[in-house]
C-alpha atoms as a PDB file:
ATOM      1  CA  MET A   1      -1.247  -0.072  -6.832  1.00  0.00           C
ATOM      2  CA  PHE A   2       1.098  -2.306  -9.031  1.00  0.00           C
ATOM      3  CA  ASN A   3       2.832  -0.719 -11.645  1.00  0.00           C
ATOM      4  CA  THR A   4       2.134  -2.561 -14.478  1.00  0.00           C
ATOM      5  CA  ASN A   5       4.039  -0.201 -16.605  1.00  0.00           C
ATOM      6  CA  LYS A   6       7.386  -2.081 -15.706  1.00  0.00           C
ATOM      7  CA  THR A   7       5.860  -5.580 -16.331  1.00  0.00           C
ATOM      8  CA  PHE A   8       3.921  -5.479 -19.736  1.00  0.00           C
ATOM      9  CA  ASP A   9       4.595  -3.769 -22.993  1.00  0.00           C
ATOM     10  CA  LEU A  10       2.309  -1.885 -25.234  1.00  0.00           C
ATOM     11  CA  HIS A  11       1.015  -5.266 -26.786  1.00  0.00           C
ATOM     12  CA  GLY A  12       0.778  -6.944 -23.376  1.00  0.00           C
ATOM     13  CA  GLN A  13       3.776  -8.742 -23.679  1.00  0.00           C
ATOM     14  CA  PHE A  14       5.341  -9.674 -20.359  1.00  0.00           C
ATOM     15  CA  LEU A  15       8.573  -7.630 -19.899  1.00  0.00           C
ATOM     16  CA  CYS A  16      10.495  -9.812 -16.893  1.00  0.00           C
ATOM     17  CA  GLY A  17      10.422 -12.954 -15.067  1.00  0.00           C
ATOM     18  CA  LEU A  18      11.583 -16.382 -15.683  1.00  0.00           C
ATOM     19  CA  GLY A  19      12.340 -17.094 -19.133  1.00  0.00           C
ATOM     20  CA  SER A  20      12.038 -13.768 -20.381  1.00  0.00           C
ATOM     21  CA  SER A  21      14.933 -12.553 -22.872  1.00  0.00           C
ATOM     22  CA  ASN A  22      15.424  -9.004 -21.063  1.00  0.00           C
ATOM     23  CA  SER A  23      15.278  -9.861 -17.438  1.00  0.00           C
ATOM     24  CA  THR A  24      16.374 -12.630 -14.887  1.00  0.00           C
ATOM     25  CA  SER A  25      14.272 -11.757 -12.304  1.00  0.00           C
ATOM     26  CA  TRP A  26      10.160 -11.408 -11.030  1.00  0.00           C
ATOM     27  CA  PRO A  27       8.868  -8.135 -10.651  1.00  0.00           C
ATOM     28  CA  HIS A  28       8.792  -6.511  -7.133  1.00  0.00           C
ATOM     29  CA  MET A  29       5.880  -5.197  -5.270  1.00  0.00           C
ATOM     30  CA  ASP A  30       4.866  -4.175  -1.805  1.00  0.00           C
ATOM     31  CA  LEU A  31       2.929  -6.832   0.522  1.00  0.00           C
ATOM     32  CA  SER A  32       0.433  -3.622   0.726  1.00  0.00           C
ATOM     33  CA  GLU A  33      -0.242  -4.038  -2.521  1.00  0.00           C
ATOM     34  CA  ILE A  34      -1.612  -7.905  -2.531  1.00  0.00           C
ATOM     35  CA  PRO A  35      -5.100  -8.653  -1.304  1.00  0.00           C
ATOM     36  CA  SER A  36      -5.482 -10.707   1.484  1.00  0.00           C
ATOM     37  CA  GLY A  37      -8.010 -12.942  -0.029  1.00  0.00           C
ATOM     38  CA  VAL A  38      -9.757 -13.662   3.641  1.00  0.00           C
ATOM     39  CA  VAL A  39     -12.889 -12.266   4.329  1.00  0.00           C
ATOM     40  CA  GLU A  40     -14.530 -12.284   8.124  1.00  0.00           C
ATOM     41  CA  VAL A  41     -18.154 -12.156   9.096  1.00  0.00           C
ATOM     42  CA  SER A  42     -19.198 -11.629  13.046  1.00  0.00           C
ATOM     43  CA  MET A  43     -21.879 -14.325  14.421  1.00  0.00           C
ATOM     44  CA  ILE A  44     -23.431 -15.174  17.216  1.00  0.00           C
ATOM     45  CA  ILE A  45     -23.229 -18.886  18.548  1.00  0.00           C
ATOM     46  CA  GLU A  46     -26.123 -20.303  20.329  1.00  0.00           C
ATOM     47  CA  GLU A  47     -25.132 -23.441  22.336  1.00  0.00           C
ATOM     48  CA  GLY A  48     -26.677 -24.669  25.714  1.00  0.00           C
ATOM     49  CA  GLY A  49     -28.885 -21.484  26.321  1.00  0.00           C
ATOM     50  CA  ARG A  50     -25.385 -19.301  25.885  1.00  0.00           C
ATOM     51  CA  GLU A  51     -24.720 -16.504  23.277  1.00  0.00           C
ATOM     52  CA  TYR A  52     -21.197 -16.461  22.182  1.00  0.00           C
ATOM     53  CA  ASP A  53     -19.848 -13.501  20.277  1.00  0.00           C
ATOM     54  CA  SER A  54     -17.790 -14.750  17.655  1.00  0.00           C
ATOM     55  CA  VAL A  55     -16.199 -14.643  14.219  1.00  0.00           C
ATOM     56  CA  LEU A  56     -15.850 -16.627  10.919  1.00  0.00           C
ATOM     57  CA  ILE A  57     -12.758 -16.015   8.755  1.00  0.00           C
ATOM     58  CA  ALA A  58     -12.608 -17.587   5.172  1.00  0.00           C
ATOM     59  CA  GLY A  59     -10.246 -17.797   2.090  1.00  0.00           C
ATOM     60  CA  HIS A  60      -6.659 -18.297   1.179  1.00  0.00           C
ATOM     61  CA  MET A  61      -5.311 -19.056   4.716  1.00  0.00           C
ATOM     62  CA  ALA A  62      -1.582 -20.337   3.600  1.00  0.00           C
ATOM     63  CA  THR A  63       0.560 -20.891   0.848  1.00  0.00           C
ATOM     64  CA  GLU A  64       2.180 -23.707   0.044  1.00  0.00           C
ATOM     65  CA  VAL A  65       5.949 -23.559  -2.351  1.00  0.00           C
ATOM     66  CA  ARG A  66       6.155 -26.226  -4.615  1.00  0.00           C
ATOM     67  CA  ARG A  67       9.696 -27.046  -6.501  1.00  0.00           C
ATOM     68  CA  LYS A  68      11.048 -23.794  -5.450  1.00  0.00           C
ATOM     69  CA  ASP A  69       9.362 -21.735  -7.987  1.00  0.00           C
ATOM     70  CA  THR A  70       5.456 -21.966  -7.659  1.00  0.00           C
ATOM     71  CA  LEU A  71       2.911 -20.644  -4.753  1.00  0.00           C
ATOM     72  CA  VAL A  72      -0.152 -22.674  -4.219  1.00  0.00           C
ATOM     73  CA  PRO A  73      -2.887 -21.087  -2.215  1.00  0.00           C
ATOM     74  CA  SER A  74      -4.728 -23.063   0.441  1.00  0.00           C
ATOM     75  CA  LEU A  75      -8.344 -22.774   1.170  1.00  0.00           C
ATOM     76  CA  GLY A  76      -9.784 -22.890   4.693  1.00  0.00           C
ATOM     77  CA  TRP A  77     -11.737 -21.346   7.275  1.00  0.00           C
ATOM     78  CA  ALA A  78     -11.770 -20.803  10.911  1.00  0.00           C
ATOM     79  CA  ILE A  79     -14.241 -20.151  13.936  1.00  0.00           C
ATOM     80  CA  ALA A  80     -12.993 -17.980  16.797  1.00  0.00           C
ATOM     81  CA  LEU A  81     -14.679 -16.478  19.805  1.00  0.00           C
ATOM     82  CA  LYS A  82     -14.508 -12.710  20.245  1.00  0.00           C
ATOM     83  CA  GLY A  83     -13.274 -11.137  23.720  1.00  0.00           C
ATOM     84  CA  GLU A  84     -12.388 -14.742  25.661  1.00  0.00           C
ATOM     85  CA  ARG A  85      -9.458 -16.043  26.432  1.00  0.00           C
ATOM     86  CA  ILE A  86      -9.212 -20.066  26.111  1.00  0.00           C
ATOM     87  CA  LEU A  87      -6.694 -21.630  28.604  1.00  0.00           C
END
């Protein structure tokens, strides 16, 4: 879990980051501490009398960097077939 002891004081004041009087860097955290923001659900597609085992993936699929200091999430979705190669 992200260690908030290094980020906020007892009164909830932000201790580090851009514009802070006592630090010039952002707090560090492992990628494993950041939730993926993506969900997936198995589903069956029926088309032309055939059934296709597939998966629907939706959520924050990408991130855009703006002005070199702002991350903007990009919402999206995709459907993929399971266990089949598309050539």
